[in-house]
């Protein structure tokens, strides 16, 4: 613009990208290095991976495969297991966009460590519960310890957190029903699938021999609907990002031997001609039992839930697994029918799509945010995990995840999708305080996060003003050379950073500013004393920046 300032944040982003391409600003790889190195010349590999995990990303994330492989190869060439700037750039450049998003806190949960500390507290609260009984009508399920308890989550950006017995395999049982339905709709479309299955809650136990007035199963979340749905599908492991999926043959055999009710439902469905023409009912029942016996861990199942939360794209592979129609229908039915006879009572306080299973799992979806799998074998009288129900209820009491929490005038809850506080005020305070204390590492982090490094306080003082007044030459150099800030901003009294450096006798800073002026704009060089009357304006405040009001 005419006054030399960029008029919008979008234009600012475009200019920054152009400047980086022109080699005027440091590359994203350099800024990332400076952020993690915190003033050191090298980054120990463990420091990089620790910083990465703090963002929620895992070193085993498929999207970081090239980076991690290059890191492994590169470390073999070093004697101390540390990376200088050039080696670091070599490792991260293939995945720099994802890594920059992570370290700029641009994921759906910006302050991931703070959020997961809340998750750990909710986990511990639920762990204290001792009620419920482990399902024993399928003998194989009765072998699980009632003390097992695990929670895993995966956000739509692939941030991961686990707590408890999250690597112990267990069978999906009824938690597989929404996935079966989603696959059926994805493959055949809504109209075709609902020729055979209804959409309404049944109001009856999940294993009742009962059809709706059209002689169809009420919905795909009860056994009758799930058996019919089984006749429409083929199954893939893509929804869990190709993480652990197994099969428990012992549970499958146990299901068959104790499956008289499901065989009765199958024959009833066959009598009422509920299956597509040509269906082999006994083979479909075998397939149904097999799908119930699919093994997952909490970790892999949380990715399945996150795929539903992410509109059908697997967050950790980026692959389209389900189409939007299939996801929308599935979440709708999970919301109304997913928790057995407890569905309405669950929807009232929790307000999120979920599906429970008699192995103790609860698959919970926070649309556009994350998927969660809770697992604890002891069940209440309605067949839902006691600890899982408590965790889901507590989560929504803490966070504004309920479907209707964001209505106007509602009491405010924690929103993990936002960084707390007045971001503008906090940003200026943090920036000027870092300049005041000479914290170059903090300034590098701010620059990486695309903070406006020319922000002003209410006296129109910038970080450059403050650094010059305090004599922090390294900060002045970083702001000028790396951030390319305006070297001559004037505060409300008309003082420039050069004025400040001269006034407080910081000759090294004066030399820096003079050299910068002579190099980039010799005709505009300004020094203290160039003011018309040479007098100090009255009312100049102390050098320490005022708080912003």
Protein backbone atom coordinates (compact mmCIF):
# COMPACT_ATOMS: atom_id res chain seq x y z
CA UNK A 1 0.00 0.00 0.00
CA UNK A 2 1.02 3.66 -0.20
CA UNK A 3 2.26 3.74 3.39
CA UNK A 4 4.33 0.59 2.94
CA UNK A 5 2.15 -1.77 4.99
CA UNK A 6 0.47 -4.94 3.80
CA UNK A 7 -3.30 -4.53 3.81
CA UNK A 8 -4.52 -8.00 4.80
CA UNK A 9 -3.38 -11.22 6.43
CA UNK A 10 -3.99 -13.09 3.18
CA UNK A 11 -1.81 -10.63 1.28
CA UNK A 12 0.77 -10.88 4.06
CA UNK A 13 0.87 -14.66 3.64
CA UNK A 14 1.31 -14.30 -0.12
CA UNK A 15 4.14 -11.80 0.32
CA UNK A 16 5.90 -13.99 2.88
CA UNK A 17 5.78 -16.96 0.53
CA UNK A 18 7.10 -14.84 -2.33
CA UNK A 19 9.92 -13.50 -0.19
CA UNK A 20 10.89 -16.97 0.99
CA UNK A 21 11.00 -18.19 -2.59
CA UNK A 22 13.20 -15.24 -3.46
CA UNK A 23 15.57 -16.21 -0.67
CA UNK A 24 14.99 -13.03 1.29
CA UNK A 25 13.47 -14.71 4.34
CA UNK A 26 14.65 -17.91 6.00
CA UNK A 27 13.08 -21.08 4.66
CA UNK A 28 10.43 -22.93 6.62
CA UNK A 29 13.02 -25.60 7.32
CA UNK A 30 15.35 -22.99 8.84
CA UNK A 31 12.62 -21.49 10.98
CA UNK A 32 11.65 -24.95 12.18
CA UNK A 33 15.28 -25.66 13.05
CA UNK A 34 15.60 -22.40 15.01
CA UNK A 35 12.39 -23.14 16.88
CA UNK A 36 13.50 -26.56 18.07
CA UNK A 37 17.20 -25.76 18.52
CA UNK A 38 16.46 -22.85 20.92
CA UNK A 39 19.73 -21.09 20.22
CA UNK A 40 21.90 -24.20 19.93
CA UNK A 41 23.87 -25.06 16.80
CA UNK A 42 22.62 -28.64 16.69
CA UNK A 43 19.44 -30.54 17.57
CA UNK A 44 19.83 -33.92 19.31
CA UNK A 45 17.56 -36.39 17.52
CA UNK A 46 15.66 -37.20 20.72
CA UNK A 47 14.86 -33.50 21.17
CA UNK A 48 13.27 -33.39 17.74
CA UNK A 49 11.16 -36.50 18.31
CA UNK A 50 10.12 -35.31 21.77
CA UNK A 51 9.05 -31.94 20.37
CA UNK A 52 7.18 -33.75 17.60
CA UNK A 53 5.25 -35.93 20.05
CA UNK A 54 4.25 -32.84 22.01
CA UNK A 55 2.28 -31.68 18.94
CA UNK A 56 0.38 -34.98 18.88
CA UNK A 57 2.17 -36.49 15.90
CA UNK A 58 3.87 -39.88 16.13
CA UNK A 59 7.18 -40.81 14.63
CA UNK A 60 5.39 -43.79 13.09
CA UNK A 61 2.81 -41.62 11.33
CA UNK A 62 2.63 -42.82 7.70
CA UNK A 63 2.70 -39.21 6.51
CA UNK A 64 6.16 -38.76 8.09
CA UNK A 65 7.63 -41.92 6.62
CA UNK A 66 10.15 -40.12 4.37
CA UNK A 67 11.25 -37.81 7.17
CA UNK A 68 11.79 -40.63 9.67
CA UNK A 69 13.61 -42.81 7.15
CA UNK A 70 15.92 -39.93 6.21
CA UNK A 71 16.48 -39.17 9.90
CA UNK A 72 17.52 -42.76 10.53
CA UNK A 73 19.95 -42.73 7.59
CA UNK A 74 21.34 -39.29 8.44
CA UNK A 75 22.01 -40.12 12.08
CA UNK A 76 24.33 -42.93 10.98
CA UNK A 77 26.60 -40.27 9.46
CA UNK A 78 26.88 -38.27 12.71
CA UNK A 79 29.13 -39.02 15.64
CA UNK A 80 26.96 -37.40 18.33
CA UNK A 81 23.41 -38.23 17.16
CA UNK A 82 22.67 -34.55 16.56
CA UNK A 83 21.61 -32.58 13.48
CA UNK A 84 23.03 -29.28 12.34
CA UNK A 85 20.86 -26.94 10.28
CA UNK A 86 21.79 -28.48 6.93
CA UNK A 87 21.26 -32.09 8.05
CA UNK A 88 18.00 -31.12 9.71
CA UNK A 89 16.75 -29.52 6.52
CA UNK A 90 17.66 -32.66 4.58
CA UNK A 91 15.54 -34.74 6.95
CA UNK A 92 12.42 -32.59 7.16
CA UNK A 93 12.09 -31.05 3.71
CA UNK A 94 9.88 -33.80 2.25
CA UNK A 95 7.33 -33.36 5.06
CA UNK A 96 7.85 -29.68 5.84
CA UNK A 97 4.21 -28.65 5.28
CA UNK A 98 2.85 -31.13 7.85
CA UNK A 99 5.66 -30.38 10.32
CA UNK A 100 5.17 -26.63 9.99
CA UNK A 101 1.44 -27.04 10.65
CA UNK A 102 2.26 -29.06 13.75
CA UNK A 103 4.77 -26.64 15.22
CA UNK A 104 2.70 -23.58 14.30
CA UNK A 105 -0.12 -25.12 16.36
CA UNK A 106 -2.44 -25.16 13.36
CA UNK A 107 -3.98 -28.56 14.12
CA UNK A 108 -7.56 -28.93 15.33
CA UNK A 109 -6.35 -29.17 18.93
CA UNK A 110 -3.67 -26.44 19.14
CA UNK A 111 -2.59 -27.02 22.76
CA UNK A 112 -2.51 -30.79 22.54
CA UNK A 113 -0.53 -31.44 25.74
CA UNK A 114 -2.96 -29.42 27.81
CA UNK A 115 -5.93 -31.24 26.31
CA UNK A 116 -4.43 -34.69 26.85
CA UNK A 117 -3.74 -33.86 30.49
CA UNK A 118 -7.53 -33.43 30.84
CA UNK A 119 -8.07 -36.75 29.07
CA UNK A 120 -5.72 -38.45 31.54
CA UNK A 121 -7.67 -36.98 34.46
CA UNK A 122 -10.98 -38.23 33.04
CA UNK A 123 -9.39 -41.64 32.50
CA UNK A 124 -8.28 -41.80 36.14
CA UNK A 125 -11.71 -40.74 37.39
CA UNK A 126 -13.41 -43.52 35.43
CA UNK A 127 -10.78 -46.09 36.45
CA UNK A 128 -12.00 -45.87 40.04
CA UNK A 129 -15.39 -47.34 39.09
CA UNK A 130 -15.85 -50.97 40.04
CA UNK A 131 -19.42 -51.79 38.95
CA UNK A 132 -20.62 -53.92 36.05
CA UNK A 133 -20.13 -57.48 34.89
CA UNK A 134 -17.93 -58.88 32.13
CA UNK A 135 -20.08 -60.45 29.39
CA UNK A 136 -20.13 -64.24 29.73
CA UNK A 137 -22.83 -65.39 27.30
CA UNK A 138 -19.99 -65.69 24.79
CA UNK A 139 -17.50 -67.80 26.80
CA UNK A 140 -14.43 -66.27 25.15
CA UNK A 141 -15.37 -62.78 26.35
CA UNK A 142 -15.61 -63.94 29.96
CA UNK A 143 -11.83 -64.49 30.01
CA UNK A 144 -11.01 -60.76 30.04
CA UNK A 145 -9.98 -59.13 33.30
CA UNK A 146 -12.45 -56.57 34.67
CA UNK A 147 -9.49 -54.32 35.52
CA UNK A 148 -8.61 -53.63 31.88
CA UNK A 149 -9.30 -50.01 30.94
CA UNK A 150 -8.05 -48.00 27.98
CA UNK A 151 -8.78 -44.79 26.06
CA UNK A 152 -7.28 -43.80 22.71
CA UNK A 153 -8.02 -40.79 20.57
CA UNK A 154 -7.07 -39.67 17.09
CA UNK A 155 -7.93 -36.19 15.80
CA UNK A 156 -8.84 -35.35 12.23
CA UNK A 157 -5.27 -34.03 11.84
CA UNK A 158 -3.78 -37.30 13.04
CA UNK A 159 -2.85 -36.19 16.56
CA UNK A 160 -2.73 -39.27 18.76
CA UNK A 161 -3.01 -39.95 22.49
CA UNK A 162 -3.43 -43.17 24.42
CA UNK A 163 -3.73 -44.03 28.09
CA UNK A 164 -4.13 -47.40 29.79
CA UNK A 165 -4.25 -50.88 28.24
CA UNK A 166 -4.43 -49.56 24.70
CA UNK A 167 -2.35 -52.27 23.01
CA UNK A 168 -4.44 -55.23 24.26
CA UNK A 169 -6.45 -56.75 21.37
CA UNK A 170 -10.20 -57.18 21.83
CA UNK A 171 -13.10 -57.99 19.51
CA UNK A 172 -15.22 -55.25 18.03
CA UNK A 173 -18.48 -57.13 18.50
CA UNK A 174 -21.31 -54.63 17.89
CA UNK A 175 -18.85 -51.74 17.41
CA UNK A 176 -18.40 -53.15 13.91
CA UNK A 177 -22.03 -52.45 13.01
CA UNK A 178 -21.65 -48.78 12.02
CA UNK A 179 -18.62 -49.67 9.92
CA UNK A 180 -20.56 -52.40 8.12
CA UNK A 181 -23.42 -50.03 7.43
CA UNK A 182 -21.07 -47.29 6.21
CA UNK A 183 -19.37 -49.69 3.81
CA UNK A 184 -22.75 -50.90 2.52
CA UNK A 185 -23.91 -47.34 1.79
CA UNK A 186 -20.51 -46.47 0.29
CA UNK A 187 -20.72 -49.46 -2.05
CA UNK A 188 -24.44 -49.45 -2.92
CA UNK A 189 -25.95 -46.08 -1.97
CA UNK A 190 -28.53 -45.13 0.64
CA UNK A 191 -31.62 -46.01 -1.38
CA UNK A 192 -30.54 -49.57 -2.11
CA UNK A 193 -29.42 -50.35 1.47
CA UNK A 194 -32.67 -49.07 2.95
CA UNK A 195 -34.73 -51.28 0.71
CA UNK A 196 -33.76 -53.95 3.22
CA UNK A 197 -33.21 -52.05 6.50
CA UNK A 198 -35.12 -49.29 8.31
CA UNK A 199 -33.82 -46.12 9.96
CA UNK A 200 -35.77 -45.94 13.23
CA UNK A 201 -34.80 -46.91 16.78
CA UNK A 202 -36.58 -50.15 17.66
CA UNK A 203 -37.38 -49.44 21.31
CA UNK A 204 -36.56 -53.11 21.95
CA UNK A 205 -33.56 -55.17 22.97
CA UNK A 206 -30.90 -55.41 20.27
CA UNK A 207 -31.40 -59.18 19.74
CA UNK A 208 -35.21 -59.34 19.56
CA UNK A 209 -36.97 -61.32 16.83
CA UNK A 210 -39.01 -58.36 15.72
CA UNK A 211 -39.34 -56.37 12.48
CA UNK A 212 -40.97 -53.05 11.67
CA UNK A 213 -44.35 -52.65 9.99
CA UNK A 214 -42.71 -53.11 6.58
CA UNK A 215 -41.15 -56.41 7.68
CA UNK A 216 -37.67 -54.93 7.72
CA UNK A 217 -35.15 -54.78 10.57
CA UNK A 218 -35.59 -51.46 12.39
CA UNK A 219 -32.04 -50.20 11.82
CA UNK A 220 -28.50 -51.42 11.09
CA UNK A 221 -27.40 -51.14 14.76
CA UNK A 222 -29.57 -54.03 16.03
CA UNK A 223 -28.65 -57.63 15.29
CA UNK A 224 -31.34 -58.19 12.66
CA UNK A 225 -30.31 -55.09 10.71
CA UNK A 226 -26.63 -55.90 11.08
CA UNK A 227 -27.16 -59.43 9.76
CA UNK A 228 -28.95 -58.10 6.68
CA UNK A 229 -26.27 -55.43 6.28
CA UNK A 230 -23.62 -58.18 6.32
CA UNK A 231 -25.14 -59.59 3.16
CA UNK A 232 -24.32 -56.33 1.35
CA UNK A 233 -20.65 -55.77 2.09
CA UNK A 234 -17.01 -56.62 1.79
CA UNK A 235 -14.62 -55.33 4.47
CA UNK A 236 -11.36 -53.39 4.27
CA UNK A 237 -8.78 -52.35 6.90
CA UNK A 238 -8.27 -48.90 5.31
CA UNK A 239 -10.49 -47.15 7.86
CA UNK A 240 -7.92 -47.75 10.60
CA UNK A 241 -4.99 -46.55 8.53
CA UNK A 242 -3.73 -50.12 8.13
CA UNK A 243 -2.98 -50.30 11.85
CA UNK A 244 -3.64 -53.44 13.88
CA UNK A 245 -6.62 -55.49 12.77
CA UNK A 246 -6.73 -59.16 13.66
CA UNK A 247 -9.19 -62.01 13.95
CA UNK A 248 -10.05 -64.11 16.97
CA UNK A 249 -10.94 -67.56 15.70
CA UNK A 250 -11.68 -68.66 19.28
CA UNK A 251 -14.28 -65.91 19.62
CA UNK A 252 -15.72 -66.76 16.21
CA UNK A 253 -16.18 -70.42 17.19
CA UNK A 254 -17.57 -69.33 20.54
CA UNK A 255 -20.04 -67.03 18.76
CA UNK A 256 -21.23 -69.84 16.49
CA UNK A 257 -21.70 -72.29 19.35
CA UNK A 258 -23.63 -69.78 21.45
CA UNK A 259 -25.44 -68.07 18.55
CA UNK A 260 -28.85 -69.72 18.71
CA UNK A 261 -30.64 -66.39 18.98
CA UNK A 262 -28.83 -65.02 15.93
CA UNK A 263 -29.60 -68.19 13.96
CA UNK A 264 -33.26 -67.75 14.96
CA UNK A 265 -33.14 -64.13 13.77
CA UNK A 266 -31.49 -65.28 10.54
CA UNK A 267 -34.22 -67.81 9.76
CA UNK A 268 -36.90 -65.27 10.66
CA UNK A 269 -35.33 -62.78 8.25
CA UNK A 270 -35.17 -65.46 5.57
CA UNK A 271 -38.83 -66.29 6.08
CA UNK A 272 -39.78 -62.64 5.73
CA UNK A 273 -37.61 -62.33 2.58
CA UNK A 274 -35.47 -59.58 4.13
CA UNK A 275 -32.26 -60.54 2.31
CA UNK A 276 -31.32 -59.63 -1.27
CA UNK A 277 -32.34 -62.33 -3.71
CA UNK A 278 -29.96 -65.30 -3.85
CA UNK A 279 -28.45 -64.73 -0.38
CA UNK A 280 -27.10 -67.82 1.41
CA UNK A 281 -28.35 -67.09 4.93
CA UNK A 282 -26.08 -69.55 6.76
CA UNK A 283 -22.99 -68.19 4.99
CA UNK A 284 -24.06 -64.65 5.88
CA UNK A 285 -24.41 -65.64 9.53
CA UNK A 286 -20.92 -67.09 9.47
CA UNK A 287 -19.66 -63.82 7.99
CA UNK A 288 -21.62 -61.90 10.64
CA UNK A 289 -19.94 -63.88 13.44
CA UNK A 290 -16.57 -63.36 11.79
CA UNK A 291 -17.04 -59.59 11.63
CA UNK A 292 -18.01 -59.51 15.30
CA UNK A 293 -14.76 -61.42 15.98
CA UNK A 294 -12.50 -58.88 14.26
CA UNK A 295 -9.80 -57.85 16.71
CA UNK A 296 -8.58 -54.30 17.16
CA UNK A 297 -6.74 -52.37 19.81
CA UNK A 298 -7.96 -49.11 21.28
CA UNK A 299 -5.33 -47.36 19.17
CA UNK A 300 -6.36 -48.79 15.81
CA UNK A 301 -10.08 -48.43 16.59
CA UNK A 302 -9.62 -44.74 17.43
CA UNK A 303 -8.38 -44.22 13.86
CA UNK A 304 -11.57 -45.89 12.59
CA UNK A 305 -13.60 -43.45 14.67
CA UNK A 306 -11.45 -40.55 13.42
CA UNK A 307 -12.12 -41.58 9.82
CA UNK A 308 -15.82 -41.11 10.52
CA UNK A 309 -15.09 -37.79 12.27
CA UNK A 310 -13.07 -36.71 9.22
CA UNK A 311 -15.83 -37.22 6.67
CA UNK A 312 -14.50 -40.57 5.42
CA UNK A 313 -10.81 -39.65 4.98
CA UNK A 314 -8.38 -41.59 7.14
CA UNK A 315 -6.44 -38.89 9.07
CA UNK A 316 -3.10 -40.69 9.11
CA UNK A 317 -3.02 -41.79 5.48
CA UNK A 318 -5.14 -39.11 3.80
CA UNK A 319 -6.95 -41.84 1.87
CA UNK A 320 -10.65 -41.58 1.07
CA UNK A 321 -12.23 -44.65 2.70
CA UNK A 322 -15.92 -43.72 2.81
CA UNK A 323 -17.98 -41.22 0.85
CA UNK A 324 -19.73 -38.30 2.61
CA UNK A 325 -23.18 -39.82 2.21
CA UNK A 326 -22.10 -43.01 3.97
CA UNK A 327 -20.49 -41.08 6.84
CA UNK A 328 -23.45 -38.74 7.36
CA UNK A 329 -25.96 -41.62 7.43
CA UNK A 330 -23.78 -43.66 9.77
CA UNK A 331 -23.31 -40.84 12.28
CA UNK A 332 -27.04 -40.12 12.22
CA UNK A 333 -27.90 -43.71 13.08
CA UNK A 334 -25.16 -43.99 15.68
CA UNK A 335 -26.61 -40.91 17.37
CA UNK A 336 -30.14 -42.34 17.53
CA UNK A 337 -29.56 -46.10 17.79
CA UNK A 338 -25.93 -46.78 18.70
CA UNK A 339 -26.10 -47.44 22.44
CA UNK A 340 -28.67 -50.24 22.65
CA UNK A 341 -31.65 -49.32 24.86
CA UNK A 342 -29.55 -46.55 26.40
CA UNK A 343 -29.35 -44.57 23.13
CA UNK A 344 -31.77 -41.83 24.12
CA UNK A 345 -30.34 -41.48 27.61
CA UNK A 346 -26.82 -41.31 26.16
CA UNK A 347 -27.77 -38.77 23.48
CA UNK A 348 -29.30 -36.46 26.08
CA UNK A 349 -26.16 -35.65 28.15
CA UNK A 350 -23.46 -36.59 25.60
CA UNK A 351 -25.01 -35.56 22.30
CA UNK A 352 -22.46 -37.38 20.11
CA UNK A 353 -22.60 -40.37 17.74
CA UNK A 354 -21.40 -43.54 19.48
CA UNK A 355 -21.58 -47.33 19.28
CA UNK A 356 -21.01 -49.80 22.05
CA UNK A 357 -20.19 -53.51 21.99
CA UNK A 358 -20.42 -56.34 24.52
CA UNK A 359 -16.64 -56.76 24.56
CA UNK A 360 -16.58 -53.42 26.44
CA UNK A 361 -15.80 -50.99 23.63
CA UNK A 362 -17.43 -47.63 22.97
CA UNK A 363 -16.64 -46.00 19.63
CA UNK A 364 -17.23 -42.25 20.05
CA UNK A 365 -17.14 -39.66 17.24
CA UNK A 366 -16.71 -35.91 17.70
CA UNK A 367 -17.48 -34.75 14.13
CA UNK A 368 -14.73 -32.65 12.52
CA UNK A 369 -12.58 -33.02 15.65
CA UNK A 370 -11.64 -36.57 16.68
CA UNK A 371 -12.52 -40.20 17.13
CA UNK A 372 -12.22 -41.98 20.48
CA UNK A 373 -12.28 -45.63 21.50
CA UNK A 374 -12.89 -46.48 25.15
CA UNK A 375 -12.55 -50.08 26.27
CA UNK A 376 -13.32 -51.71 29.59
CA UNK A 377 -14.99 -55.16 29.78
CA UNK A 378 -17.38 -54.68 32.75
CA UNK A 379 -20.86 -53.83 31.37
CA UNK A 380 -23.97 -52.30 32.89
CA UNK A 381 -27.39 -53.98 32.65
CA UNK A 382 -27.95 -52.55 29.17
CA UNK A 383 -24.69 -53.95 27.78
CA UNK A 384 -22.57 -50.77 27.81
CA UNK A 385 -19.12 -50.34 29.32
CA UNK A 386 -19.49 -48.79 32.78
CA UNK A 387 -16.19 -46.92 32.64
CA UNK A 388 -16.71 -45.99 28.98
CA UNK A 389 -20.09 -44.36 29.69
CA UNK A 390 -18.58 -42.41 32.57
CA UNK A 391 -15.65 -41.21 30.46
CA UNK A 392 -17.89 -40.03 27.59
CA UNK A 393 -20.22 -38.22 29.99
CA UNK A 394 -17.34 -36.52 31.81
CA UNK A 395 -15.70 -35.52 28.52
CA UNK A 396 -18.78 -33.62 27.34
CA UNK A 397 -19.31 -32.05 30.75
CA UNK A 398 -15.78 -30.63 30.45
CA UNK A 399 -15.60 -29.77 26.73
CA UNK A 400 -18.17 -28.18 24.43
CA UNK A 401 -18.44 -31.26 22.23
CA UNK A 402 -22.18 -31.85 22.70
CA UNK A 403 -24.05 -31.33 19.45
CA UNK A 404 -25.90 -28.35 20.96
CA UNK A 405 -23.23 -26.85 23.21
CA UNK A 406 -22.54 -24.01 20.79
CA UNK A 407 -25.99 -22.48 20.79
CA UNK A 408 -26.02 -18.78 21.62
CA UNK A 409 -26.18 -17.80 25.29
CA UNK A 410 -25.08 -21.23 26.52
CA UNK A 411 -22.67 -21.43 29.44
CA UNK A 412 -19.15 -21.64 28.12
CA UNK A 413 -17.16 -24.86 28.49
CA UNK A 414 -13.59 -25.65 27.60
CA UNK A 415 -13.11 -25.56 23.83
CA UNK A 416 -9.88 -27.44 23.00
CA UNK A 417 -10.16 -26.22 19.40
CA UNK A 418 -9.25 -22.69 20.49
CA UNK A 419 -6.21 -21.29 22.21
CA UNK A 420 -7.34 -19.62 25.43
CA UNK A 421 -7.51 -15.94 26.23
CA UNK A 422 -7.51 -12.81 24.13
CA UNK A 423 -5.08 -13.88 21.42
CA UNK A 424 -4.32 -10.36 20.21
CA UNK A 425 -3.46 -9.13 23.72
CA UNK A 426 -1.51 -12.26 24.58
CA UNK A 427 0.38 -12.11 21.29
CA UNK A 428 1.58 -8.52 21.77
CA UNK A 429 2.54 -9.10 25.40
CA UNK A 430 4.48 -12.25 24.57
CA UNK A 431 6.25 -10.62 21.64
CA UNK A 432 7.32 -7.49 23.51
CA UNK A 433 8.28 -9.41 26.64
CA UNK A 434 10.51 -11.71 24.59
CA UNK A 435 12.17 -8.63 23.07
CA UNK A 436 12.54 -7.07 26.56
CA UNK A 437 14.23 -10.18 27.99
CA UNK A 438 16.34 -10.87 24.90
CA UNK A 439 14.67 -14.25 24.30
CA UNK A 440 15.64 -14.94 20.68
CA UNK A 441 14.36 -18.55 20.91
CA UNK A 442 10.86 -17.34 21.72
CA UNK A 443 11.01 -14.84 18.87
CA UNK A 444 11.99 -17.62 16.47
CA UNK A 445 8.96 -19.62 17.59
CA UNK A 446 6.72 -16.59 17.08
CA UNK A 447 8.14 -16.04 13.59
CA UNK A 448 7.52 -19.70 12.69
CA UNK A 449 3.92 -19.37 13.80
CA UNK A 450 3.45 -16.45 11.38
CA UNK A 451 3.00 -13.94 14.19
CA UNK A 452 3.07 -10.31 13.06
CA UNK A 453 6.54 -9.30 14.31
CA UNK A 454 5.66 -5.62 13.84
CA UNK A 455 2.75 -5.62 16.29
CA UNK A 456 2.51 -2.52 18.48
CA UNK A 457 1.37 -1.90 22.04
CA UNK A 458 -0.97 0.95 22.92
CA UNK A 459 1.97 3.37 22.79
CA UNK A 460 2.73 2.15 19.24
CA UNK A 461 6.01 0.61 20.41
CA UNK A 462 7.27 -2.47 18.58
CA UNK A 463 9.56 -5.33 19.58
CA UNK A 464 12.36 -3.52 17.74
CA UNK A 465 11.84 -0.44 19.93
CA UNK A 466 12.04 -2.52 23.09
CA UNK A 467 15.06 -4.59 22.00
CA UNK A 468 16.96 -1.46 20.95
CA UNK A 469 16.19 0.28 24.24
CA UNK A 470 17.40 -2.76 26.21
CA UNK A 471 20.51 -3.23 24.09
CA UNK A 472 19.70 -6.77 22.91
CA UNK A 473 21.77 -6.79 19.73
CA UNK A 474 20.92 -10.39 18.81
CA UNK A 475 17.21 -9.65 19.00
CA UNK A 476 17.67 -6.53 16.88
CA UNK A 477 19.65 -8.51 14.31
CA UNK A 478 17.02 -11.28 14.20
CA UNK A 479 14.13 -8.83 13.78
CA UNK A 480 15.90 -6.93 11.02
CA UNK A 481 17.58 -9.71 9.07
CA UNK A 482 15.30 -12.72 9.58
CA UNK A 483 11.93 -11.04 10.04
CA UNK A 484 12.56 -7.99 7.83
CA UNK A 485 10.63 -5.69 10.15
CA UNK A 486 10.37 -2.00 9.38
CA UNK A 487 13.62 -0.53 10.82
CA UNK A 488 12.09 2.93 11.43
CA UNK A 489 8.72 2.53 13.16
CA UNK A 490 7.74 5.53 15.28
CA UNK A 491 5.96 5.26 18.60
CA UNK A 492 3.33 7.79 19.67
CA UNK A 493 6.07 10.24 20.70
CA UNK A 494 7.79 9.92 17.33
CA UNK A 495 10.77 7.90 18.58
CA UNK A 496 12.43 5.24 16.42
CA UNK A 497 14.48 2.23 17.57
CA UNK A 498 17.60 4.20 16.63
CA UNK A 499 16.51 6.97 19.02
CA UNK A 500 16.15 4.42 21.78
CA UNK A 501 19.57 2.86 21.19
CA UNK A 502 21.29 6.26 21.18
CA UNK A 503 19.38 7.52 24.21
CA UNK A 504 20.37 4.54 26.34
CA UNK A 505 23.93 4.34 25.05
CA UNK A 506 23.77 0.95 23.31
CA UNK A 507 26.46 1.61 20.72
CA UNK A 508 26.50 -1.94 19.29
CA UNK A 509 22.80 -1.63 18.50
CA UNK A 510 23.35 1.81 16.96
CA UNK A 511 26.03 0.30 14.72
CA UNK A 512 23.70 -2.57 13.75
CA UNK A 513 20.93 -0.18 12.79
CA UNK A 514 23.28 2.13 10.89
CA UNK A 515 24.77 -0.80 8.97
CA UNK A 516 21.30 -2.09 8.13
CA UNK A 517 20.22 1.34 6.91
CA UNK A 518 23.28 1.81 4.78
CA UNK A 519 22.85 -1.64 3.27
CA UNK A 520 19.14 -1.52 2.48
CA UNK A 521 18.05 2.14 2.48
CA UNK A 522 21.00 4.51 2.73
CA UNK A 523 18.92 7.48 1.65
CA UNK A 524 16.53 6.99 4.58
CA UNK A 525 19.05 6.68 7.43
CA UNK A 526 17.69 8.22 10.59
CA UNK A 527 19.66 8.92 13.75
CA UNK A 528 18.73 10.43 17.07
CA UNK A 529 18.95 14.16 17.07
CA UNK A 530 17.49 14.52 13.55
CA UNK A 531 14.27 15.84 15.04
CA UNK A 532 13.61 19.44 14.31
CA UNK A 533 14.28 20.82 17.78
CA UNK A 534 16.47 18.00 19.11
CA UNK A 535 14.56 17.97 22.41
CA UNK A 536 13.28 14.89 24.23
CA UNK A 537 9.50 14.71 24.18
CA UNK A 538 7.88 14.84 27.61
CA UNK A 539 6.17 11.78 29.01
CA UNK A 540 8.38 9.04 27.50
CA UNK A 541 7.57 5.91 29.44
CA UNK A 542 10.01 3.47 30.96
CA UNK A 543 11.63 1.03 28.58
CA UNK A 544 9.82 -2.02 29.95
CA UNK A 545 6.68 -2.43 27.80
CA UNK A 546 3.38 -1.53 29.34
CA UNK A 547 0.72 -4.20 29.61
CA UNK A 548 -1.80 -4.00 26.81
CA UNK A 549 -5.31 -2.95 27.82
